[in-house]
PDB file of N, CA and C in Angstrom:
ATOM      1  N   UNK A   1     134.514 119.272  78.464  1.00  0.00           N
ATOM      2  CA  UNK A   1     134.048 117.524  78.434  1.00  0.00           C
ATOM      3  C   UNK A   1     133.535 117.336  79.438  1.00  0.00           C
ATOM      4  N   UNK A   2     131.608 116.735  78.560  1.00  0.00           N
ATOM      5  CA  UNK A   2     131.336 115.834  80.007  1.00  0.00           C
ATOM      6  C   UNK A   2     131.007 114.486  79.399  1.00  0.00           C
ATOM      7  N   UNK A   3     130.195 114.093  80.661  1.00  0.00           N
ATOM      8  CA  UNK A   3     130.436 112.731  80.758  1.00  0.00           C
ATOM      9  C   UNK A   3     129.767 111.694  79.243  1.00  0.00           C
ATOM     10  N   UNK A   4     128.827 112.240  78.428  1.00  0.00           N
ATOM     11  CA  UNK A   4     128.387 111.245  77.252  1.00  0.00           C
ATOM     12  C   UNK A   4     129.135 111.648  76.590  1.00  0.00           C
ATOM     13  N   UNK A   5     130.469 112.896  75.965  1.00  0.00           N
ATOM     14  CA  UNK A   5     130.809 113.501  75.412  1.00  0.00           C
ATOM     15  C   UNK A   5     132.111 111.999  75.011  1.00  0.00           C
ATOM     16  N   UNK A   6     132.443 111.526  76.757  1.00  0.00           N
ATOM     17  CA  UNK A   6     133.719 111.031  76.491  1.00  0.00           C
ATOM     18  C   UNK A   6     133.329 109.755  76.871  1.00  0.00           C
ATOM     19  N   UNK A   7     132.216 109.298  77.537  1.00  0.00           N
ATOM     20  CA  UNK A   7     131.882 107.609  76.528  1.00  0.00           C
ATOM     21  C   UNK A   7     131.535 107.329  75.441  1.00  0.00           C
ATOM     22  N   UNK A   8     130.389 108.736  74.420  1.00  0.00           N
ATOM     23  CA  UNK A   8     130.517 108.362  73.494  1.00  0.00           C
ATOM     24  C   UNK A   8     131.613 107.431  73.393  1.00  0.00           C
ATOM     25  N   UNK A   9     132.642 108.939  72.581  1.00  0.00           N
ATOM     26  CA  UNK A   9     133.359 108.355  72.060  1.00  0.00           C
ATOM     27  C   UNK A   9     134.356 107.097  72.407  1.00  0.00           C
ATOM     28  N   UNK A  10     134.513 106.561  73.504  1.00  0.00           N
ATOM     29  CA  UNK A  10     135.552 105.336  74.200  1.00  0.00           C
ATOM     30  C   UNK A  10     134.367 104.811  73.647  1.00  0.00           C
ATOM     31  N   UNK A  11     133.077 103.933  73.110  1.00  0.00           N
ATOM     32  CA  UNK A  11     132.480 102.757  72.516  1.00  0.00           C
ATOM     33  C   UNK A  11     132.612 103.241  71.323  1.00  0.00           C
ATOM     34  N   UNK A  12     132.772 104.401  70.832  1.00  0.00           N
ATOM     35  CA  UNK A  12     133.080 104.804  69.594  1.00  0.00           C
ATOM     36  C   UNK A  12     133.999 103.755  69.121  1.00  0.00           C
ATOM     37  N   UNK A  13     135.168 104.595  69.802  1.00  0.00           N
ATOM     38  CA  UNK A  13     136.574 103.709  69.741  1.00  0.00           C
ATOM     39  C   UNK A  13     136.802 101.548  69.703  1.00  0.00           C
ATOM     40  N   UNK A  14     135.422 101.535  70.783  1.00  0.00           N
ATOM     41  CA  UNK A  14     135.641 100.492  71.718  1.00  0.00           C
ATOM     42  C   UNK A  14     134.967  99.230  69.853  1.00  0.00           C
ATOM     43  N   UNK A  15     133.714 100.379  68.971  1.00  0.00           N
ATOM     44  CA  UNK A  15     133.208  99.671  68.645  1.00  0.00           C
ATOM     45  C   UNK A  15     133.157  99.270  66.752  1.00  0.00           C
ATOM     46  N   UNK A  16     134.812 100.793  66.857  1.00  0.00           N
ATOM     47  CA  UNK A  16     135.548 100.640  64.790  1.00  0.00           C
ATOM     48  C   UNK A  16     135.969  99.248  65.951  1.00  0.00           C
ATOM     49  N   UNK A  17     137.027  98.834  66.698  1.00  0.00           N
ATOM     50  CA  UNK A  17     137.703  97.548  66.732  1.00  0.00           C
ATOM     51  C   UNK A  17     136.959  96.876  66.897  1.00  0.00           C
ATOM     52  N   UNK A  18     135.663  96.157  67.369  1.00  0.00           N
ATOM     53  CA  UNK A  18     135.255  95.570  67.405  1.00  0.00           C
ATOM     54  C   UNK A  18     134.935  94.741  65.533  1.00  0.00           C
ATOM     55  N   UNK A  19     133.459  96.381  65.347  1.00  0.00           N
ATOM     56  CA  UNK A  19     134.437  96.102  63.463  1.00  0.00           C
ATOM     57  C   UNK A  19     135.221  95.358  62.803  1.00  0.00           C
ATOM     58  N   UNK A  20     136.554  96.798  63.401  1.00  0.00           N
ATOM     59  CA  UNK A  20     137.462  95.668  62.257  1.00  0.00           C
ATOM     60  C   UNK A  20     138.081  94.458  62.375  1.00  0.00           C
ATOM     61  N   UNK A  21     137.482  93.658  64.191  1.00  0.00           N
ATOM     62  CA  UNK A  21     138.142  92.637  64.184  1.00  0.00           C
ATOM     63  C   UNK A  21     137.340  91.420  63.747  1.00  0.00           C
ATOM     64  N   UNK A  22     135.787  91.862  63.063  1.00  0.00           N
ATOM     65  CA  UNK A  22     134.430  90.841  63.041  1.00  0.00           C
ATOM     66  C   UNK A  22     135.387  90.864  61.713  1.00  0.00           C
ATOM     67  N   UNK A  23     135.991  92.072  61.150  1.00  0.00           N
ATOM     68  CA  UNK A  23     136.124  92.430  59.113  1.00  0.00           C
ATOM     69  C   UNK A  23     137.569  90.677  59.395  1.00  0.00           C
ATOM     70  N   UNK A  24     138.342  90.836  60.102  1.00  0.00           N
ATOM     71  CA  UNK A  24     139.814  90.145  59.750  1.00  0.00           C
ATOM     72  C   UNK A  24     139.039  88.395  60.133  1.00  0.00           C
ATOM     73  N   UNK A  25     138.222  88.252  60.964  1.00  0.00           N
ATOM     74  CA  UNK A  25     138.214  87.304  61.442  1.00  0.00           C
ATOM     75  C   UNK A  25     137.284  86.263  60.508  1.00  0.00           C
ATOM     76  N   UNK A  26     135.704  87.380  59.991  1.00  0.00           N
ATOM     77  CA  UNK A  26     135.429  86.658  58.964  1.00  0.00           C
ATOM     78  C   UNK A  26     134.442  86.452  59.921  1.00  0.00           C
ATOM     79  N   UNK A  27     134.150  87.183  60.782  1.00  0.00           N
ATOM     80  CA  UNK A  27     132.678  87.340  61.402  1.00  0.00           C
ATOM     81  C   UNK A  27     131.727  88.106  61.765  1.00  0.00           C
ATOM     82  N   UNK A  28     130.263  87.764  60.450  1.00  0.00           N
ATOM     83  CA  UNK A  28     129.558  88.534  61.075  1.00  0.00           C
ATOM     84  C   UNK A  28     128.903  89.188  61.918  1.00  0.00           C
ATOM     85  N   UNK A  29     128.777  88.691  63.337  1.00  0.00           N
ATOM     86  CA  UNK A  29     128.171  88.701  63.921  1.00  0.00           C
ATOM     87  C   UNK A  29     129.047  90.353  64.997  1.00  0.00           C
ATOM     88  N   UNK A  30     130.621  89.165  65.347  1.00  0.00           N
ATOM     89  CA  UNK A  30     130.991  90.645  65.735  1.00  0.00           C
ATOM     90  C   UNK A  30     131.283  91.949  65.037  1.00  0.00           C
ATOM     91  N   UNK A  31     131.656  92.016  63.739  1.00  0.00           N
ATOM     92  CA  UNK A  31     131.252  92.751  62.678  1.00  0.00           C
ATOM     93  C   UNK A  31     129.767  93.531  63.262  1.00  0.00           C
ATOM     94  N   UNK A  32     128.988  93.462  62.612  1.00  0.00           N
ATOM     95  CA  UNK A  32     127.494  93.578  63.170  1.00  0.00           C
ATOM     96  C   UNK A  32     127.784  94.297  64.802  1.00  0.00           C
ATOM     97  N   UNK A  33     127.797  93.578  65.686  1.00  0.00           N
ATOM     98  CA  UNK A  33     128.376  94.442  66.683  1.00  0.00           C
ATOM     99  C   UNK A  33     128.957  96.163  66.998  1.00  0.00           C
ATOM    100  N   UNK A  34     130.341  95.564  66.539  1.00  0.00           N
ATOM    101  CA  UNK A  34     130.947  96.447  66.473  1.00  0.00           C
ATOM    102  C   UNK A  34     130.079  97.793  66.046  1.00  0.00           C
ATOM    103  N   UNK A  35     129.663  97.861  64.378  1.00  0.00           N
ATOM    104  CA  UNK A  35     129.822  98.400  63.608  1.00  0.00           C
ATOM    105  C   UNK A  35     127.913  99.126  65.011  1.00  0.00           C
ATOM    106  N   UNK A  36     127.308  98.579  65.234  1.00  0.00           N
ATOM    107  CA  UNK A  36     126.352  99.351  66.479  1.00  0.00           C
ATOM    108  C   UNK A  36     126.439  99.800  67.705  1.00  0.00           C
ATOM    109  N   UNK A  37     127.788  98.882  67.892  1.00  0.00           N
ATOM    110  CA  UNK A  37     128.214  99.586  69.025  1.00  0.00           C
ATOM    111  C   UNK A  37     129.153 101.583  69.338  1.00  0.00           C
ATOM    112  N   UNK A  38     129.574 100.781  67.938  1.00  0.00           N
ATOM    113  CA  UNK A  38     130.194 102.836  66.895  1.00  0.00           C
ATOM    114  C   UNK A  38     129.777 103.171  66.563  1.00  0.00           C
ATOM    115  N   UNK A  39     127.843 103.026  66.733  1.00  0.00           N
ATOM    116  CA  UNK A  39     127.212 103.651  65.907  1.00  0.00           C
ATOM    117  C   UNK A  39     126.733 105.084  67.261  1.00  0.00           C
ATOM    118  N   UNK A  40     126.238 103.019  67.910  1.00  0.00           N
ATOM    119  CA  UNK A  40     125.668 104.063  69.656  1.00  0.00           C
ATOM    120  C   UNK A  40     126.562 105.373  70.468  1.00  0.00           C
ATOM    121  N   UNK A  41     128.205 105.136  70.260  1.00  0.00           N
ATOM    122  CA  UNK A  41     128.903 105.770  71.023  1.00  0.00           C
ATOM    123  C   UNK A  41     128.903 106.900  70.449  1.00  0.00           C
ATOM    124  N   UNK A  42     129.326 107.186  68.587  1.00  0.00           N
ATOM    125  CA  UNK A  42     129.180 108.357  67.950  1.00  0.00           C
ATOM    126  C   UNK A  42     127.328 109.218  68.528  1.00  0.00           C
ATOM    127  N   UNK A  43     126.568 108.405  68.858  1.00  0.00           N
ATOM    128  CA  UNK A  43     125.368 109.371  69.263  1.00  0.00           C
ATOM    129  C   UNK A  43     125.809 109.970  70.327  1.00  0.00           C
ATOM    130  N   UNK A  44     126.189 108.871  70.921  1.00  0.00           N
ATOM    131  CA  UNK A  44     125.929 109.444  72.677  1.00  0.00           C
ATOM    132  C   UNK A  44     126.778 110.541  73.276  1.00  0.00           C
ATOM    133  N   UNK A  45     128.090 110.763  71.856  1.00  0.00           N
ATOM    134  CA  UNK A  45     128.989 111.661  71.590  1.00  0.00           C
ATOM    135  C   UNK A  45     128.159 113.310  71.711  1.00  0.00           C
ATOM    136  N   UNK A  46     127.335 112.605  70.022  1.00  0.00           N
ATOM    137  CA  UNK A  46     127.153 113.523  69.826  1.00  0.00           C
ATOM    138  C   UNK A  46     126.486 114.662  70.525  1.00  0.00           C
ATOM    139  N   UNK A  47     125.075 113.320  71.325  1.00  0.00           N
ATOM    140  CA  UNK A  47     124.488 114.528  72.294  1.00  0.00           C
ATOM    141  C   UNK A  47     125.359 115.269  73.993  1.00  0.00           C
ATOM    142  N   UNK A  48     126.816 114.080  73.969  1.00  0.00           N
ATOM    143  CA  UNK A  48     127.202 115.335  74.807  1.00  0.00           C
ATOM    144  C   UNK A  48     127.127 116.834  73.931  1.00  0.00           C
ATOM    145  N   UNK A  49     127.879 116.913  72.834  1.00  0.00           N
ATOM    146  CA  UNK A  49     128.325 117.904  72.149  1.00  0.00           C
ATOM    147  C   UNK A  49     127.220 118.783  72.155  1.00  0.00           C
ATOM    148  N   UNK A  50     125.782 118.313  71.879  1.00  0.00           N
ATOM    149  CA  UNK A  50     124.772 120.068  72.411  1.00  0.00           C
ATOM    150  C   UNK A  50     124.384 120.006  73.798  1.00  0.00           C
ATOM    151  N   UNK A  51     124.895 118.699  74.699  1.00  0.00           N
ATOM    152  CA  UNK A  51     124.660 119.349  76.126  1.00  0.00           C
ATOM    153  C   UNK A  51     125.388 120.447  75.987  1.00  0.00           C
ATOM    154  N   UNK A  52     127.212 120.317  75.583  1.00  0.00           N
ATOM    155  CA  UNK A  52     127.810 121.199  75.968  1.00  0.00           C
ATOM    156  C   UNK A  52     127.716 123.172  75.261  1.00  0.00           C
ATOM    157  N   UNK A  53     127.004 123.131  74.062  1.00  0.00           N
ATOM    158  CA  UNK A  53     127.175 123.880  73.046  1.00  0.00           C
ATOM    159  C   UNK A  53     125.476 124.568  74.290  1.00  0.00           C
ATOM    160  N   UNK A  54     124.646 124.149  74.546  1.00  0.00           N
ATOM    161  CA  UNK A  54     123.710 124.187  75.150  1.00  0.00           C
ATOM    162  C   UNK A  54     124.037 125.028  75.890  1.00  0.00           C
ATOM    163  N   UNK A  55     125.116 124.340  76.814  1.00  0.00           N
ATOM    164  CA  UNK A  55     125.580 125.320  78.415  1.00  0.00           C
ATOM    165  C   UNK A  55     126.046 126.019  78.159  1.00  0.00           C
ATOM    166  N   UNK A  56     127.748 126.401  76.946  1.00  0.00           N
ATOM    167  CA  UNK A  56     127.660 127.303  76.702  1.00  0.00           C
ATOM    168  C   UNK A  56     126.840 128.905  76.552  1.00  0.00           C
ATOM    169  N   UNK A  57     126.259 129.043  75.258  1.00  0.00           N
ATOM    170  CA  UNK A  57     124.886 130.107  75.411  1.00  0.00           C
ATOM    171  C   UNK A  57     124.353 129.632  76.192  1.00  0.00           C
ATOM    172  N   UNK A  58     124.205 128.825  77.597  1.00  0.00           N
ATOM    173  CA  UNK A  58     123.535 129.727  78.881  1.00  0.00           C
ATOM    174  C   UNK A  58     124.109 130.363  79.503  1.00  0.00           C
ATOM    175  N   UNK A  59     125.281 129.931  79.301  1.00  0.00           N
ATOM    176  CA  UNK A  59     126.224 130.783  79.804  1.00  0.00           C
ATOM    177  C   UNK A  59     126.735 132.107  79.731  1.00  0.00           C
ATOM    178  N   UNK A  60     126.349 132.473  78.514  1.00  0.00           N
ATOM    179  CA  UNK A  60     126.300 133.467  78.013  1.00  0.00           C
ATOM    180  C   UNK A  60     124.987 134.778  78.079  1.00  0.00           C
ATOM    181  N   UNK A  61     124.656 134.180  78.235  1.00  0.00           N
ATOM    182  CA  UNK A  61     123.429 134.931  78.586  1.00  0.00           C
ATOM    183  C   UNK A  61     123.663 135.323  80.204  1.00  0.00           C
TER     184      UNK A  61
END
């Protein structure tokens, strides 16, 4: 597991929490911020996954 995977998943979880808090508190700004953070985290973790797969393929060669 690499840094991008870990950071991305942590940000994704924080974003989900903010999104749910925004829904509960009826705070559209907090919900939007959470959605953005969740998506950003998902992108970063996917990037980390791609890096990891690339590394595995290179190691096989």
